Amino acid sequence: MKLTPTHIRSARRHLRAADAVMRSMIDAVGPYTLRFEEDRFGLLVRSIVSQQISTIAARAIRKRLLELAGSEGLTAANLSRLTTEELRSVGLSSQKASYVADLASRVNDGTVDLQRIGRLSDERVVEVLTQVKGIGRWTAQMFLIFSLGRPDVFPHDDLGVRTAIRDRYGLADLPDKKTSHAIAAPWRPFASVASWYCWRTLDLARNTETVAKGYPS
C-alpha cells in the first residue's frame, strides 16, 4: 500500500491520539508535505553516492555523474555501459563505483525489477534491494519510505530518528533498538509518517529543509 492523502489524514489523527509527544511534533511541524520520488533508480544511485560524505560533496559528484551520463540520462542501461574507471572519474571511490555498477547491472538485467518492486511486501523489497552491493537495510528502508510511500516503516538505526527520540522523549542517550521500538509501538501502523515528523523536527531545530518535500539531496 502506498500512502494517499486519505491515509496521511488518518495517520496524523492516529499519531496525535496515540502519543502526546508525537502530537507536539506534529503541531510544531504542520502538514505532511513529503512527495514520493518517482525515479526509483535515481534515488538508489543518490543513496550510494551520498554514503559517508558531505551533502556538498555528494551533490558535486551527482552533477558530474549526470554530465557523464549525457543526454540519455541516469538510467540503468546507460550506466551499465560505463566502466568503473569512468565512474571513478566523477569522484566516486573505487568501492562506490563498483556499487553503482552492480546496481546498474542488476536493474538492467532484471535481477532487481524496479518497475514491479512496488508489488512486493516491505520485507521482500528489503531482501531484493540488499542483493545489491552497497545497499543495506537502512537504504532499503529509505527507498520504502521516500519512493514507494509505504506507511509503516520504522528505521530504528537512523541517526536522525534516534536523535529526535532522545531529544523529544527526554532520554539521556540515543535509544537502542529495544527502546526505539518500544517508543515507536504506538505509531503503528504509520511509523513512516512518524519517522518523517522526527526528521522534520530536527530540521526545524537546525533551520533546514532536509526532508520537507523529498529524499535528502
C-alpha atoms as a PDB file:
ATOM      1  CA  MET A   1       0.000   0.000   0.000  1.00  0.00           C
ATOM      2  CA  LYS A   2       1.208   3.475  -0.884  1.00  0.00           C
ATOM      3  CA  LEU A   3       0.277   6.436   1.286  1.00  0.00           C
ATOM      4  CA  THR A   4      -2.519   8.538  -0.171  1.00  0.00           C
ATOM      5  CA  PRO A   5      -3.860  11.872   1.117  1.00  0.00           C
ATOM      6  CA  THR A   6      -6.608   9.911   2.889  1.00  0.00           C
ATOM      7  CA  HIS A   7      -4.039   7.648   4.570  1.00  0.00           C
ATOM      8  CA  ILE A   8      -1.988  10.670   5.604  1.00  0.00           C
ATOM      9  CA  ARG A   9      -5.010  12.303   7.257  1.00  0.00           C
ATOM     10  CA  SER A  10      -5.693   9.051   9.077  1.00  0.00           C
ATOM     11  CA  ALA A  11      -2.036   8.805  10.095  1.00  0.00           C
ATOM     12  CA  ARG A  12      -1.986  12.296  11.584  1.00  0.00           C
ATOM     13  CA  ARG A  13      -5.174  11.622  13.548  1.00  0.00           C
ATOM     14  CA  HIS A  14      -3.822   8.295  14.797  1.00  0.00           C
ATOM     15  CA  LEU A  15      -0.427   9.687  15.814  1.00  0.00           C
ATOM     16  CA  ARG A  16      -1.908  12.710  17.580  1.00  0.00           C
ATOM     17  CA  ALA A  17      -4.265  10.489  19.581  1.00  0.00           C
ATOM     18  CA  ALA A  18      -1.765   7.730  20.343  1.00  0.00           C
ATOM     19  CA  ASP A  19       1.275   9.705  21.511  1.00  0.00           C
ATOM     20  CA  ALA A  20       1.361  13.086  23.252  1.00  0.00           C
ATOM     21  CA  VAL A  21       4.992  13.710  22.305  1.00  0.00           C
ATOM     22  CA  MET A  22       4.312  12.945  18.660  1.00  0.00           C
ATOM     23  CA  ARG A  23       1.269  15.217  18.834  1.00  0.00           C
ATOM     24  CA  SER A  24       3.523  18.082  19.901  1.00  0.00           C
ATOM     25  CA  MET A  25       5.890  17.338  16.998  1.00  0.00           C
ATOM     26  CA  ILE A  26       3.013  17.337  14.519  1.00  0.00           C
ATOM     27  CA  ASP A  27       1.754  20.641  15.919  1.00  0.00           C
ATOM     28  CA  ALA A  28       5.220  22.165  15.567  1.00  0.00           C
ATOM     29  CA  VAL A  29       5.910  20.852  12.068  1.00  0.00           C
ATOM     30  CA  GLY A  30       2.484  21.161  10.477  1.00  0.00           C
ATOM     31  CA  PRO A  31       1.232  19.256   7.408  1.00  0.00           C
ATOM     32  CA  TYR A  32       2.939  16.191   5.987  1.00  0.00           C
ATOM     33  CA  THR A  33       4.485  17.504   2.769  1.00  0.00           C
ATOM     34  CA  LEU A  34       6.603  14.596   1.524  1.00  0.00           C
ATOM     35  CA  ARG A  35       6.431  13.995  -2.237  1.00  0.00           C
ATOM     36  CA  PHE A  36       7.382  10.472  -3.198  1.00  0.00           C
ATOM     37  CA  GLU A  37      10.346  10.032  -5.548  1.00  0.00           C
ATOM     38  CA  GLU A  38       9.230   8.546  -8.870  1.00  0.00           C
ATOM     39  CA  ASP A  39      12.772   7.968 -10.160  1.00  0.00           C
ATOM     40  CA  ARG A  40      13.476   4.770  -8.249  1.00  0.00           C
ATOM     41  CA  PHE A  41      16.820   4.044  -9.870  1.00  0.00           C
ATOM     42  CA  GLY A  42      17.975   7.622  -9.376  1.00  0.00           C
ATOM     43  CA  LEU A  43      17.117   7.529  -5.676  1.00  0.00           C
ATOM     44  CA  LEU A  44      19.182   4.385  -5.176  1.00  0.00           C
ATOM     45  CA  VAL A  45      22.136   5.899  -7.039  1.00  0.00           C
ATOM     46  CA  ARG A  46      21.875   9.017  -4.864  1.00  0.00           C
ATOM     47  CA  SER A  47      21.812   6.901  -1.717  1.00  0.00           C
ATOM     48  CA  ILE A  48      25.024   5.131  -2.739  1.00  0.00           C
ATOM     49  CA  VAL A  49      26.784   8.333  -3.774  1.00  0.00           C
ATOM     50  CA  SER A  50      25.855  10.067  -0.510  1.00  0.00           C
ATOM     51  CA  GLN A  51      27.200   7.411   1.845  1.00  0.00           C
ATOM     52  CA  GLN A  52      29.683   8.821   4.396  1.00  0.00           C
ATOM     53  CA  ILE A  53      30.390  12.098   2.569  1.00  0.00           C
ATOM     54  CA  SER A  54      29.086  15.629   2.967  1.00  0.00           C
ATOM     55  CA  THR A  55      25.969  16.860   1.206  1.00  0.00           C
ATOM     56  CA  ILE A  56      28.036  19.335  -0.807  1.00  0.00           C
ATOM     57  CA  ALA A  57      30.447  16.637  -1.994  1.00  0.00           C
ATOM     58  CA  ALA A  58      27.586  14.291  -2.885  1.00  0.00           C
ATOM     59  CA  ARG A  59      25.851  16.970  -4.953  1.00  0.00           C
ATOM     60  CA  ALA A  60      29.057  17.715  -6.835  1.00  0.00           C
ATOM     61  CA  ILE A  61      29.585  14.033  -7.660  1.00  0.00           C
ATOM     62  CA  ARG A  62      25.976  13.598  -8.775  1.00  0.00           C
ATOM     63  CA  LYS A  63      26.289  16.640 -11.041  1.00  0.00           C
ATOM     64  CA  ARG A  64      29.399  15.197 -12.696  1.00  0.00           C
ATOM     65  CA  LEU A  65      27.722  11.799 -12.959  1.00  0.00           C
ATOM     66  CA  LEU A  66      24.768  13.366 -14.768  1.00  0.00           C
ATOM     67  CA  GLU A  67      27.172  15.118 -17.137  1.00  0.00           C
ATOM     68  CA  LEU A  68      28.941  11.814 -17.781  1.00  0.00           C
ATOM     69  CA  ALA A  69      25.602  10.075 -18.432  1.00  0.00           C
ATOM     70  CA  GLY A  70      24.829  12.640 -21.117  1.00  0.00           C
ATOM     71  CA  SER A  71      21.548  13.098 -22.929  1.00  0.00           C
ATOM     72  CA  GLU A  72      20.367   9.545 -22.213  1.00  0.00           C
ATOM     73  CA  GLY A  73      20.233  10.388 -18.527  1.00  0.00           C
ATOM     74  CA  LEU A  74      20.829   8.492 -15.337  1.00  0.00           C
ATOM     75  CA  THR A  75      19.369   5.124 -16.321  1.00  0.00           C
ATOM     76  CA  ALA A  76      20.466   1.577 -15.562  1.00  0.00           C
ATOM     77  CA  ALA A  77      21.021   0.828 -19.242  1.00  0.00           C
ATOM     78  CA  ASN A  78      23.158   3.910 -19.680  1.00  0.00           C
ATOM     79  CA  LEU A  79      25.278   3.442 -16.561  1.00  0.00           C
ATOM     80  CA  SER A  80      25.776  -0.240 -17.380  1.00  0.00           C
ATOM     81  CA  ARG A  81      27.792   0.848 -20.403  1.00  0.00           C
ATOM     82  CA  LEU A  82      30.244   2.802 -18.243  1.00  0.00           C
ATOM     83  CA  THR A  83      33.402   1.236 -16.844  1.00  0.00           C
ATOM     84  CA  THR A  84      34.310   1.524 -13.181  1.00  0.00           C
ATOM     85  CA  GLU A  85      37.179   3.788 -14.264  1.00  0.00           C
ATOM     86  CA  GLU A  86      34.702   6.119 -15.936  1.00  0.00           C
ATOM     87  CA  LEU A  87      32.519   6.077 -12.837  1.00  0.00           C
ATOM     88  CA  ARG A  88      35.548   6.861 -10.688  1.00  0.00           C
ATOM     89  CA  SER A  89      36.323   9.851 -12.909  1.00  0.00           C
ATOM     90  CA  VAL A  90      33.369  11.766 -11.441  1.00  0.00           C
ATOM     91  CA  GLY A  91      34.760  11.447  -7.918  1.00  0.00           C
ATOM     92  CA  LEU A  92      33.367   8.123  -6.776  1.00  0.00           C
ATOM     93  CA  SER A  93      35.656   5.915  -4.736  1.00  0.00           C
ATOM     94  CA  SER A  94      36.584   2.549  -6.214  1.00  0.00           C
ATOM     95  CA  GLN A  95      34.162   0.897  -3.824  1.00  0.00           C
ATOM     96  CA  LYS A  96      31.247   3.188  -4.644  1.00  0.00           C
ATOM     97  CA  ALA A  97      31.950   2.909  -8.366  1.00  0.00           C
ATOM     98  CA  SER A  98      31.618  -0.865  -8.009  1.00  0.00           C
ATOM     99  CA  TYR A  99      28.377  -0.388  -6.051  1.00  0.00           C
ATOM    100  CA  VAL A 100      26.850   1.852  -8.742  1.00  0.00           C
ATOM    101  CA  ALA A 101      27.993  -0.575 -11.444  1.00  0.00           C
ATOM    102  CA  ASP A 102      26.451  -3.516  -9.586  1.00  0.00           C
ATOM    103  CA  LEU A 103      23.158  -1.660  -9.121  1.00  0.00           C
ATOM    104  CA  ALA A 104      23.026  -0.666 -12.792  1.00  0.00           C
ATOM    105  CA  SER A 105      23.817  -4.220 -13.898  1.00  0.00           C
ATOM    106  CA  ARG A 106      21.203  -5.852 -11.685  1.00  0.00           C
ATOM    107  CA  VAL A 107      18.490  -3.374 -12.668  1.00  0.00           C
ATOM    108  CA  ASN A 108      19.412  -3.594 -16.335  1.00  0.00           C
ATOM    109  CA  ASP A 109      19.268  -7.397 -16.436  1.00  0.00           C
ATOM    110  CA  GLY A 110      16.072  -7.551 -14.385  1.00  0.00           C
ATOM    111  CA  THR A 111      17.529  -9.170 -11.279  1.00  0.00           C
ATOM    112  CA  VAL A 112      16.242  -6.095  -9.447  1.00  0.00           C
ATOM    113  CA  ASP A 113      12.988  -5.164 -11.188  1.00  0.00           C
ATOM    114  CA  LEU A 114      12.253  -1.609 -10.124  1.00  0.00           C
ATOM    115  CA  GLN A 115       9.147  -1.457 -12.321  1.00  0.00           C
ATOM    116  CA  ARG A 116       7.455  -4.248 -10.370  1.00  0.00           C
ATOM    117  CA  ILE A 117       9.101  -3.884  -6.975  1.00  0.00           C
ATOM    118  CA  GLY A 118       6.161  -1.907  -5.649  1.00  0.00           C
ATOM    119  CA  ARG A 119       4.064  -5.083  -5.770  1.00  0.00           C
ATOM    120  CA  LEU A 120       6.243  -6.752  -3.146  1.00  0.00           C
ATOM    121  CA  SER A 121       5.880  -6.697   0.635  1.00  0.00           C
ATOM    122  CA  ASP A 122       8.118  -4.373   2.640  1.00  0.00           C
ATOM    123  CA  GLU A 123      10.371  -7.201   3.794  1.00  0.00           C
ATOM    124  CA  ARG A 124      10.626  -8.687   0.319  1.00  0.00           C
ATOM    125  CA  VAL A 125      11.643  -5.266  -1.053  1.00  0.00           C
ATOM    126  CA  VAL A 126      14.424  -5.172   1.536  1.00  0.00           C
ATOM    127  CA  GLU A 127      15.550  -8.664   0.539  1.00  0.00           C
ATOM    128  CA  VAL A 128      15.651  -7.765  -3.159  1.00  0.00           C
ATOM    129  CA  LEU A 129      17.492  -4.469  -2.743  1.00  0.00           C
ATOM    130  CA  THR A 130      20.082  -5.775  -0.312  1.00  0.00           C
ATOM    131  CA  GLN A 131      21.308  -8.149  -3.010  1.00  0.00           C
ATOM    132  CA  VAL A 132      22.996  -5.080  -4.470  1.00  0.00           C
ATOM    133  CA  LYS A 133      26.495  -4.270  -3.248  1.00  0.00           C
ATOM    134  CA  GLY A 134      26.449  -1.188  -1.056  1.00  0.00           C
ATOM    135  CA  ILE A 135      22.725  -1.295  -0.277  1.00  0.00           C
ATOM    136  CA  GLY A 136      21.905  -2.325   3.259  1.00  0.00           C
ATOM    137  CA  ARG A 137      18.705  -2.464   5.247  1.00  0.00           C
ATOM    138  CA  TRP A 138      18.700   1.256   6.067  1.00  0.00           C
ATOM    139  CA  THR A 139      18.965   2.265   2.397  1.00  0.00           C
ATOM    140  CA  ALA A 140      16.182  -0.173   1.510  1.00  0.00           C
ATOM    141  CA  GLN A 141      14.005   1.347   4.247  1.00  0.00           C
ATOM    142  CA  MET A 142      14.629   4.831   2.861  1.00  0.00           C
ATOM    143  CA  PHE A 143      13.511   3.526  -0.531  1.00  0.00           C
ATOM    144  CA  LEU A 144      10.341   2.139   1.033  1.00  0.00           C
ATOM    145  CA  ILE A 145       9.561   5.473   2.697  1.00  0.00           C
ATOM    146  CA  PHE A 146      10.669   8.014   0.115  1.00  0.00           C
ATOM    147  CA  SER A 147       9.923   6.190  -3.146  1.00  0.00           C
ATOM    148  CA  LEU A 148       7.295   3.510  -2.551  1.00  0.00           C
ATOM    149  CA  GLY A 149       5.464   5.555   0.083  1.00  0.00           C
ATOM    150  CA  ARG A 150       4.966   2.626   2.438  1.00  0.00           C
ATOM    151  CA  PRO A 151       3.156   3.718   5.620  1.00  0.00           C
ATOM    152  CA  ASP A 152       4.662   1.592   8.377  1.00  0.00           C
ATOM    153  CA  VAL A 153       8.454   1.527   8.056  1.00  0.00           C
ATOM    154  CA  PHE A 154      10.447   2.268  11.205  1.00  0.00           C
ATOM    155  CA  PRO A 155      14.185   2.800  10.551  1.00  0.00           C
ATOM    156  CA  HIS A 156      15.330   2.275  14.117  1.00  0.00           C
ATOM    157  CA  ASP A 157      19.021   2.557  13.138  1.00  0.00           C
ATOM    158  CA  ASP A 158      18.581   6.000  11.581  1.00  0.00           C
ATOM    159  CA  LEU A 159      20.593   8.602  13.491  1.00  0.00           C
ATOM    160  CA  GLY A 160      18.077  11.371  12.864  1.00  0.00           C
ATOM    161  CA  VAL A 161      15.142   9.348  14.166  1.00  0.00           C
ATOM    162  CA  ARG A 162      17.136   8.219  17.204  1.00  0.00           C
ATOM    163  CA  THR A 163      18.276  11.781  17.898  1.00  0.00           C
ATOM    164  CA  ALA A 164      14.722  13.120  17.719  1.00  0.00           C
ATOM    165  CA  ILE A 165      13.512  10.344  20.026  1.00  0.00           C
ATOM    166  CA  ARG A 166      16.289  11.131  22.517  1.00  0.00           C
ATOM    167  CA  ASP A 167      15.604  14.861  22.468  1.00  0.00           C
ATOM    168  CA  ARG A 168      11.812  14.819  22.430  1.00  0.00           C
ATOM    169  CA  TYR A 169      11.251  11.879  24.786  1.00  0.00           C
ATOM    170  CA  GLY A 170      13.758  13.132  27.361  1.00  0.00           C
ATOM    171  CA  LEU A 171      16.321  10.352  27.144  1.00  0.00           C
ATOM    172  CA  ALA A 172      19.874  10.748  28.398  1.00  0.00           C
ATOM    173  CA  ASP A 173      21.390   8.868  25.466  1.00  0.00           C
ATOM    174  CA  LEU A 174      20.493   7.737  21.974  1.00  0.00           C
ATOM    175  CA  PRO A 175      17.971   4.902  22.286  1.00  0.00           C
ATOM    176  CA  ASP A 176      18.950   1.334  21.483  1.00  0.00           C
ATOM    177  CA  LYS A 177      16.836  -0.878  19.233  1.00  0.00           C
ATOM    178  CA  LYS A 178      14.628  -2.188  22.043  1.00  0.00           C
ATOM    179  CA  THR A 179      13.915   1.284  23.416  1.00  0.00           C
ATOM    180  CA  SER A 180      13.301   2.734  19.957  1.00  0.00           C
ATOM    181  CA  HIS A 181      10.787   0.053  19.077  1.00  0.00           C
ATOM    182  CA  ALA A 182       9.019   0.428  22.425  1.00  0.00           C
ATOM    183  CA  ILE A 183       8.593   4.172  21.870  1.00  0.00           C
ATOM    184  CA  ALA A 184       7.520   3.646  18.265  1.00  0.00           C
ATOM    185  CA  ALA A 185       4.935   0.969  19.098  1.00  0.00           C
ATOM    186  CA  PRO A 186       2.046   3.484  19.393  1.00  0.00           C
ATOM    187  CA  TRP A 187       2.995   4.910  15.980  1.00  0.00           C
ATOM    188  CA  ARG A 188       1.982   1.706  14.202  1.00  0.00           C
ATOM    189  CA  PRO A 189       0.660   1.318  11.542  1.00  0.00           C
ATOM    190  CA  PHE A 190       2.026   4.706  10.466  1.00  0.00           C
ATOM    191  CA  ALA A 191       5.663   4.555  11.594  1.00  0.00           C
ATOM    192  CA  SER A 192       6.879   6.040   8.290  1.00  0.00           C
ATOM    193  CA  VAL A 193       4.853   9.199   8.849  1.00  0.00           C
ATOM    194  CA  ALA A 194       6.050   9.434  12.445  1.00  0.00           C
ATOM    195  CA  SER A 195       9.666   8.988  11.304  1.00  0.00           C
ATOM    196  CA  TRP A 196       9.234  11.852   8.828  1.00  0.00           C
ATOM    197  CA  TYR A 197       7.984  14.054  11.670  1.00  0.00           C
ATOM    198  CA  CYS A 198      11.074  13.099  13.669  1.00  0.00           C
ATOM    199  CA  TRP A 199      13.312  14.233  10.798  1.00  0.00           C
ATOM    200  CA  ARG A 200      11.345  17.441  10.270  1.00  0.00           C
ATOM    201  CA  THR A 201      11.547  18.249  13.985  1.00  0.00           C
ATOM    202  CA  LEU A 202      15.347  18.179  13.675  1.00  0.00           C
ATOM    203  CA  ASP A 203      15.092  20.327  10.539  1.00  0.00           C
ATOM    204  CA  LEU A 204      13.163  22.966  12.455  1.00  0.00           C
ATOM    205  CA  ALA A 205      15.774  22.998  15.204  1.00  0.00           C
ATOM    206  CA  ARG A 206      18.522  23.451  12.585  1.00  0.00           C
ATOM    207  CA  ASN A 207      16.514  25.789  10.334  1.00  0.00           C
ATOM    208  CA  THR A 208      16.868  23.419   7.376  1.00  0.00           C
ATOM    209  CA  GLU A 209      14.502  21.779   4.891  1.00  0.00           C
ATOM    210  CA  THR A 210      16.222  18.413   4.566  1.00  0.00           C
ATOM    211  CA  VAL A 211      13.210  16.131   4.170  1.00  0.00           C
ATOM    212  CA  ALA A 212      10.448  18.683   3.769  1.00  0.00           C
ATOM    213  CA  LYS A 213       9.449  17.558   0.289  1.00  0.00           C
ATOM    214  CA  GLY A 214      11.559  14.554  -0.590  1.00  0.00           C
ATOM    215  CA  TYR A 215      14.561  12.322  -0.080  1.00  0.00           C
ATOM    216  CA  PRO A 216      17.534  14.312   1.273  1.00  0.00           C
ATOM    217  CA  SER A 217      19.705  15.573  -1.561  1.00  0.00           C
END
